[in-house]
Amino acid sequence: MDKTKKNKNVVYIFIDASNVWNAVKSVKKFIEYKTLKGYFRKKYSATDVEIYYYDAYPKAGTRDYGLN
């Protein structure tokens, strides 16, 4: 086994944009992703923390409202 992979403790965070956006709007505070990353690094003694933020965007002509 490769030693560089053997000693790694990586935490992966997957964030759904629509859920986070609604939560942020309700409490009127933004998320500091640098702080979030540090929290998980410390809590789980991680060598690395990777955050993936994903969003769904509706196909043109499939919604009854504007985005502006």
PDB file of N, CA and C in Angstrom:
ATOM      1  N   MET A   1       0.837  -1.187   0.000  1.00  0.00           N
ATOM      2  CA  MET A   1       0.000   0.000   0.000  1.00  0.00           C
ATOM      3  C   MET A   1       0.878   1.246   0.000  1.00  0.00           C
ATOM      4  N   ASP A   2       0.463   2.254  -0.737  1.00  0.00           N
ATOM      5  CA  ASP A   2       1.182   3.520  -0.827  1.00  0.00           C
ATOM      6  C   ASP A   2       1.117   4.247   0.516  1.00  0.00           C
ATOM      7  N   LYS A   3       2.277   4.587   1.115  1.00  0.00           N
ATOM      8  CA  LYS A   3       2.320   5.221   2.432  1.00  0.00           C
ATOM      9  C   LYS A   3       1.654   6.590   2.441  1.00  0.00           C
ATOM     10  N   THR A   4       1.703   7.328   1.335  1.00  0.00           N
ATOM     11  CA  THR A   4       1.095   8.658   1.327  1.00  0.00           C
ATOM     12  C   THR A   4      -0.419   8.556   1.475  1.00  0.00           C
ATOM     13  N   LYS A   5      -1.031   7.525   0.960  1.00  0.00           N
ATOM     14  CA  LYS A   5      -2.471   7.339   1.099  1.00  0.00           C
ATOM     15  C   LYS A   5      -2.819   6.687   2.431  1.00  0.00           C
ATOM     16  N   LYS A   6      -1.941   5.865   2.935  1.00  0.00           N
ATOM     17  CA  LYS A   6      -2.203   5.129   4.167  1.00  0.00           C
ATOM     18  C   LYS A   6      -2.383   6.073   5.359  1.00  0.00           C
ATOM     19  N   ASN A   7      -1.605   7.134   5.440  1.00  0.00           N
ATOM     20  CA  ASN A   7      -1.632   8.027   6.587  1.00  0.00           C
ATOM     21  C   ASN A   7      -2.536   9.246   6.402  1.00  0.00           C
ATOM     22  N   LYS A   8      -3.330   9.262   5.349  1.00  0.00           N
ATOM     23  CA  LYS A   8      -4.204  10.407   5.100  1.00  0.00           C
ATOM     24  C   LYS A   8      -5.567  10.193   5.732  1.00  0.00           C
ATOM     25  N   ASN A   9      -6.070  11.252   6.329  1.00  0.00           N
ATOM     26  CA  ASN A   9      -7.417  11.256   6.874  1.00  0.00           C
ATOM     27  C   ASN A   9      -8.128  12.440   6.228  1.00  0.00           C
ATOM     28  N   VAL A  10      -8.855  12.179   5.151  1.00  0.00           N
ATOM     29  CA  VAL A  10      -9.501  13.229   4.378  1.00  0.00           C
ATOM     30  C   VAL A  10     -10.987  13.259   4.710  1.00  0.00           C
ATOM     31  N   VAL A  11     -11.509  14.464   4.948  1.00  0.00           N
ATOM     32  CA  VAL A  11     -12.939  14.654   5.179  1.00  0.00           C
ATOM     33  C   VAL A  11     -13.516  15.316   3.932  1.00  0.00           C
ATOM     34  N   TYR A  12     -14.614  14.757   3.432  1.00  0.00           N
ATOM     35  CA  TYR A  12     -15.305  15.303   2.265  1.00  0.00           C
ATOM     36  C   TYR A  12     -16.637  15.877   2.719  1.00  0.00           C
ATOM     37  N   ILE A  13     -16.917  17.107   2.314  1.00  0.00           N
ATOM     38  CA  ILE A  13     -18.168  17.772   2.659  1.00  0.00           C
ATOM     39  C   ILE A  13     -18.895  18.096   1.355  1.00  0.00           C
ATOM     40  N   PHE A  14     -20.160  17.669   1.273  1.00  0.00           N
ATOM     41  CA  PHE A  14     -20.983  17.942   0.098  1.00  0.00           C
ATOM     42  C   PHE A  14     -22.122  18.860   0.521  1.00  0.00           C
ATOM     43  N   ILE A  15     -22.210  20.014  -0.122  1.00  0.00           N
ATOM     44  CA  ILE A  15     -23.185  21.025   0.262  1.00  0.00           C
ATOM     45  C   ILE A  15     -24.173  21.243  -0.880  1.00  0.00           C
ATOM     46  N   ASP A  16     -25.454  21.117  -0.558  1.00  0.00           N
ATOM     47  CA  ASP A  16     -26.536  21.379  -1.512  1.00  0.00           C
ATOM     48  C   ASP A  16     -26.876  22.869  -1.421  1.00  0.00           C
ATOM     49  N   ALA A  17     -26.642  23.592  -2.478  1.00  0.00           N
ATOM     50  CA  ALA A  17     -26.776  25.045  -2.489  1.00  0.00           C
ATOM     51  C   ALA A  17     -28.170  25.523  -2.097  1.00  0.00           C
ATOM     52  N   SER A  18     -29.217  24.896  -2.593  1.00  0.00           N
ATOM     53  CA  SER A  18     -30.560  25.392  -2.313  1.00  0.00           C
ATOM     54  C   SER A  18     -30.900  25.266  -0.830  1.00  0.00           C
ATOM     55  N   ASN A  19     -30.518  24.183  -0.188  1.00  0.00           N
ATOM     56  CA  ASN A  19     -30.777  24.035   1.243  1.00  0.00           C
ATOM     57  C   ASN A  19     -29.982  25.045   2.057  1.00  0.00           C
ATOM     58  N   VAL A  20     -28.730  25.237   1.712  1.00  0.00           N
ATOM     59  CA  VAL A  20     -27.898  26.195   2.442  1.00  0.00           C
ATOM     60  C   VAL A  20     -28.415  27.608   2.228  1.00  0.00           C
ATOM     61  N   TRP A  21     -28.789  27.942   1.009  1.00  0.00           N
ATOM     62  CA  TRP A  21     -29.264  29.293   0.717  1.00  0.00           C
ATOM     63  C   TRP A  21     -30.507  29.621   1.533  1.00  0.00           C
ATOM     64  N   ASN A  22     -31.440  28.690   1.640  1.00  0.00           N
ATOM     65  CA  ASN A  22     -32.650  28.933   2.430  1.00  0.00           C
ATOM     66  C   ASN A  22     -32.326  29.073   3.917  1.00  0.00           C
ATOM     67  N   ALA A  23     -31.400  28.294   4.420  1.00  0.00           N
ATOM     68  CA  ALA A  23     -30.991  28.406   5.821  1.00  0.00           C
ATOM     69  C   ALA A  23     -30.299  29.743   6.077  1.00  0.00           C
ATOM     70  N   VAL A  24     -29.427  30.146   5.169  1.00  0.00           N
ATOM     71  CA  VAL A  24     -28.708  31.418   5.302  1.00  0.00           C
ATOM     72  C   VAL A  24     -29.701  32.582   5.301  1.00  0.00           C
ATOM     73  N   LYS A  25     -30.689  32.531   4.418  1.00  0.00           N
ATOM     74  CA  LYS A  25     -31.688  33.592   4.365  1.00  0.00           C
ATOM     75  C   LYS A  25     -32.492  33.661   5.656  1.00  0.00           C
ATOM     76  N   SER A  26     -32.830  32.516   6.228  1.00  0.00           N
ATOM     77  CA  SER A  26     -33.674  32.506   7.426  1.00  0.00           C
ATOM     78  C   SER A  26     -32.946  33.044   8.662  1.00  0.00           C
ATOM     79  N   VAL A  27     -31.646  32.816   8.781  1.00  0.00           N
ATOM     80  CA  VAL A  27     -30.901  33.313   9.953  1.00  0.00           C
ATOM     81  C   VAL A  27     -30.125  34.591   9.657  1.00  0.00           C
ATOM     82  N   LYS A  28     -30.121  34.995   8.400  1.00  0.00           N
ATOM     83  CA  LYS A  28     -29.446  36.226   7.965  1.00  0.00           C
ATOM     84  C   LYS A  28     -27.957  36.264   8.330  1.00  0.00           C
ATOM     85  N   LYS A  29     -27.290  35.126   8.188  1.00  0.00           N
ATOM     86  CA  LYS A  29     -25.847  35.023   8.403  1.00  0.00           C
ATOM     87  C   LYS A  29     -25.242  34.194   7.281  1.00  0.00           C
ATOM     88  N   PHE A  30     -24.059  34.569   6.878  1.00  0.00           N
ATOM     89  CA  PHE A  30     -23.364  33.808   5.846  1.00  0.00           C
ATOM     90  C   PHE A  30     -22.462  32.755   6.475  1.00  0.00           C
ATOM     91  N   ILE A  31     -22.152  31.732   5.720  1.00  0.00           N
ATOM     92  CA  ILE A  31     -21.266  30.666   6.185  1.00  0.00           C
ATOM     93  C   ILE A  31     -19.841  31.013   5.777  1.00  0.00           C
ATOM     94  N   GLU A  32     -18.942  30.953   6.725  1.00  0.00           N
ATOM     95  CA  GLU A  32     -17.523  31.154   6.449  1.00  0.00           C
ATOM     96  C   GLU A  32     -16.927  29.775   6.157  1.00  0.00           C
ATOM     97  N   TYR A  33     -16.711  29.476   4.887  1.00  0.00           N
ATOM     98  CA  TYR A  33     -16.255  28.142   4.502  1.00  0.00           C
ATOM     99  C   TYR A  33     -14.834  27.846   4.996  1.00  0.00           C
ATOM    100  N   LYS A  34     -14.030  28.863   5.137  1.00  0.00           N
ATOM    101  CA  LYS A  34     -12.682  28.665   5.680  1.00  0.00           C
ATOM    102  C   LYS A  34     -12.775  28.196   7.144  1.00  0.00           C
ATOM    103  N   THR A  35     -13.685  28.808   7.906  1.00  0.00           N
ATOM    104  CA  THR A  35     -13.898  28.413   9.296  1.00  0.00           C
ATOM    105  C   THR A  35     -14.484  27.012   9.374  1.00  0.00           C
ATOM    106  N   LEU A  36     -15.437  26.720   8.506  1.00  0.00           N
ATOM    107  CA  LEU A  36     -16.053  25.389   8.449  1.00  0.00           C
ATOM    108  C   LEU A  36     -15.003  24.318   8.170  1.00  0.00           C
ATOM    109  N   LYS A  37     -14.127  24.618   7.239  1.00  0.00           N
ATOM    110  CA  LYS A  37     -13.063  23.685   6.883  1.00  0.00           C
ATOM    111  C   LYS A  37     -12.132  23.443   8.073  1.00  0.00           C
ATOM    112  N   GLY A  38     -11.782  24.512   8.766  1.00  0.00           N
ATOM    113  CA  GLY A  38     -10.925  24.394   9.948  1.00  0.00           C
ATOM    114  C   GLY A  38     -11.585  23.602  11.061  1.00  0.00           C
ATOM    115  N   TYR A  39     -12.888  23.796  11.232  1.00  0.00           N
ATOM    116  CA  TYR A  39     -13.630  23.063  12.255  1.00  0.00           C
ATOM    117  C   TYR A  39     -13.554  21.559  12.001  1.00  0.00           C
ATOM    118  N   PHE A  40     -13.816  21.141  10.767  1.00  0.00           N
ATOM    119  CA  PHE A  40     -13.785  19.712  10.444  1.00  0.00           C
ATOM    120  C   PHE A  40     -12.367  19.149  10.493  1.00  0.00           C
ATOM    121  N   ARG A  41     -11.400  19.961  10.100  1.00  0.00           N
ATOM    122  CA  ARG A  41     -10.005  19.510  10.171  1.00  0.00           C
ATOM    123  C   ARG A  41      -9.628  19.205  11.619  1.00  0.00           C
ATOM    124  N   LYS A  42     -10.014  20.093  12.523  1.00  0.00           N
ATOM    125  CA  LYS A  42      -9.676  19.915  13.940  1.00  0.00           C
ATOM    126  C   LYS A  42     -10.504  18.790  14.573  1.00  0.00           C
ATOM    127  N   LYS A  43     -11.799  18.779  14.344  1.00  0.00           N
ATOM    128  CA  LYS A  43     -12.693  17.802  14.978  1.00  0.00           C
ATOM    129  C   LYS A  43     -12.327  16.368  14.616  1.00  0.00           C
ATOM    130  N   TYR A  44     -11.949  16.140  13.358  1.00  0.00           N
ATOM    131  CA  TYR A  44     -11.654  14.781  12.894  1.00  0.00           C
ATOM    132  C   TYR A  44     -10.180  14.531  12.643  1.00  0.00           C
ATOM    133  N   SER A  45      -9.313  15.429  13.120  1.00  0.00           N
ATOM    134  CA  SER A  45      -7.861  15.312  12.919  1.00  0.00           C
ATOM    135  C   SER A  45      -7.535  15.008  11.462  1.00  0.00           C
ATOM    136  N   ALA A  46      -8.170  15.747  10.580  1.00  0.00           N
ATOM    137  CA  ALA A  46      -8.031  15.502   9.148  1.00  0.00           C
ATOM    138  C   ALA A  46      -6.753  16.122   8.600  1.00  0.00           C
ATOM    139  N   THR A  47      -6.132  15.417   7.681  1.00  0.00           N
ATOM    140  CA  THR A  47      -4.979  15.971   6.983  1.00  0.00           C
ATOM    141  C   THR A  47      -5.441  16.898   5.865  1.00  0.00           C
ATOM    142  N   ASP A  48      -6.684  16.691   5.404  1.00  0.00           N
ATOM    143  CA  ASP A  48      -7.240  17.525   4.349  1.00  0.00           C
ATOM    144  C   ASP A  48      -8.758  17.513   4.449  1.00  0.00           C
ATOM    145  N   VAL A  49      -9.383  18.622   4.075  1.00  0.00           N
ATOM    146  CA  VAL A  49     -10.834  18.730   4.028  1.00  0.00           C
ATOM    147  C   VAL A  49     -11.188  19.272   2.652  1.00  0.00           C
ATOM    148  N   GLU A  50     -12.063  18.567   1.953  1.00  0.00           N
ATOM    149  CA  GLU A  50     -12.496  19.000   0.631  1.00  0.00           C
ATOM    150  C   GLU A  50     -13.979  19.312   0.684  1.00  0.00           C
ATOM    151  N   ILE A  51     -14.344  20.517   0.236  1.00  0.00           N
ATOM    152  CA  ILE A  51     -15.745  20.944   0.235  1.00  0.00           C
ATOM    153  C   ILE A  51     -16.224  21.026  -1.212  1.00  0.00           C
ATOM    154  N   TYR A  52     -17.346  20.351  -1.481  1.00  0.00           N
ATOM    155  CA  TYR A  52     -17.976  20.376  -2.799  1.00  0.00           C
ATOM    156  C   TYR A  52     -19.338  21.037  -2.654  1.00  0.00           C
ATOM    157  N   TYR A  53     -19.553  22.105  -3.372  1.00  0.00           N
ATOM    158  CA  TYR A  53     -20.778  22.894  -3.324  1.00  0.00           C
ATOM    159  C   TYR A  53     -21.470  22.709  -4.658  1.00  0.00           C
ATOM    160  N   TYR A  54     -22.660  22.161  -4.621  1.00  0.00           N
ATOM    161  CA  TYR A  54     -23.327  21.917  -5.893  1.00  0.00           C
ATOM    162  C   TYR A  54     -24.696  22.573  -5.941  1.00  0.00           C
ATOM    163  N   ASP A  55     -25.116  22.864  -7.145  1.00  0.00           N
ATOM    164  CA  ASP A  55     -26.355  23.583  -7.382  1.00  0.00           C
ATOM    165  C   ASP A  55     -27.029  23.010  -8.618  1.00  0.00           C
ATOM    166  N   ALA A  56     -28.328  23.090  -8.650  1.00  0.00           N
ATOM    167  CA  ALA A  56     -29.084  22.675  -9.835  1.00  0.00           C
ATOM    168  C   ALA A  56     -29.644  23.932 -10.481  1.00  0.00           C
ATOM    169  N   TYR A  57     -29.486  24.034 -11.762  1.00  0.00           N
ATOM    170  CA  TYR A  57     -29.982  25.191 -12.487  1.00  0.00           C
ATOM    171  C   TYR A  57     -31.011  24.691 -13.491  1.00  0.00           C
ATOM    172  N   PRO A  58     -32.248  25.217 -13.435  1.00  0.00           N
ATOM    173  CA  PRO A  58     -33.289  24.706 -14.331  1.00  0.00           C
ATOM    174  C   PRO A  58     -32.988  24.992 -15.801  1.00  0.00           C
ATOM    175  N   LYS A  59     -33.378  24.069 -16.633  1.00  0.00           N
ATOM    176  CA  LYS A  59     -33.206  24.214 -18.077  1.00  0.00           C
ATOM    177  C   LYS A  59     -34.081  25.371 -18.568  1.00  0.00           C
ATOM    178  N   ALA A  60     -33.574  26.139 -19.511  1.00  0.00           N
ATOM    179  CA  ALA A  60     -34.310  27.282 -20.056  1.00  0.00           C
ATOM    180  C   ALA A  60     -35.697  26.842 -20.538  1.00  0.00           C
ATOM    181  N   GLY A  61     -36.714  27.631 -20.170  1.00  0.00           N
ATOM    182  CA  GLY A  61     -38.077  27.353 -20.598  1.00  0.00           C
ATOM    183  C   GLY A  61     -38.825  26.353 -19.728  1.00  0.00           C
ATOM    184  N   THR A  62     -38.214  25.914 -18.620  1.00  0.00           N
ATOM    185  CA  THR A  62     -38.870  24.902 -17.771  1.00  0.00           C
ATOM    186  C   THR A  62     -39.414  25.496 -16.476  1.00  0.00           C
ATOM    187  N   ARG A  63     -39.318  26.822 -16.301  1.00  0.00           N
ATOM    188  CA  ARG A  63     -39.843  27.435 -15.079  1.00  0.00           C
ATOM    189  C   ARG A  63     -40.758  28.593 -15.435  1.00  0.00           C
ATOM    190  N   ASP A  64     -41.669  28.905 -14.527  1.00  0.00           N
ATOM    191  CA  ASP A  64     -42.661  29.956 -14.753  1.00  0.00           C
ATOM    192  C   ASP A  64     -42.270  31.300 -14.131  1.00  0.00           C
ATOM    193  N   TYR A  65     -41.044  31.448 -13.716  1.00  0.00           N
ATOM    194  CA  TYR A  65     -40.607  32.651 -13.030  1.00  0.00           C
ATOM    195  C   TYR A  65     -39.246  33.082 -13.565  1.00  0.00           C
ATOM    196  N   GLY A  66     -38.900  34.343 -13.329  1.00  0.00           N
ATOM    197  CA  GLY A  66     -37.607  34.858 -13.738  1.00  0.00           C
ATOM    198  C   GLY A  66     -36.612  34.811 -12.604  1.00  0.00           C
ATOM    199  N   LEU A  67     -35.342  34.856 -12.910  1.00  0.00           N
ATOM    200  CA  LEU A  67     -34.293  34.800 -11.890  1.00  0.00           C
ATOM    201  C   LEU A  67     -33.765  36.187 -11.522  1.00  0.00           C
ATOM    202  N   ASN A  68     -34.348  37.252 -12.090  1.00  0.00           N
ATOM    203  CA  ASN A  68     -33.859  38.593 -11.790  1.00  0.00           C
ATOM    204  C   ASN A  68     -34.740  39.332 -10.853  1.00  0.00           C
TER     205      ASN A  68
END
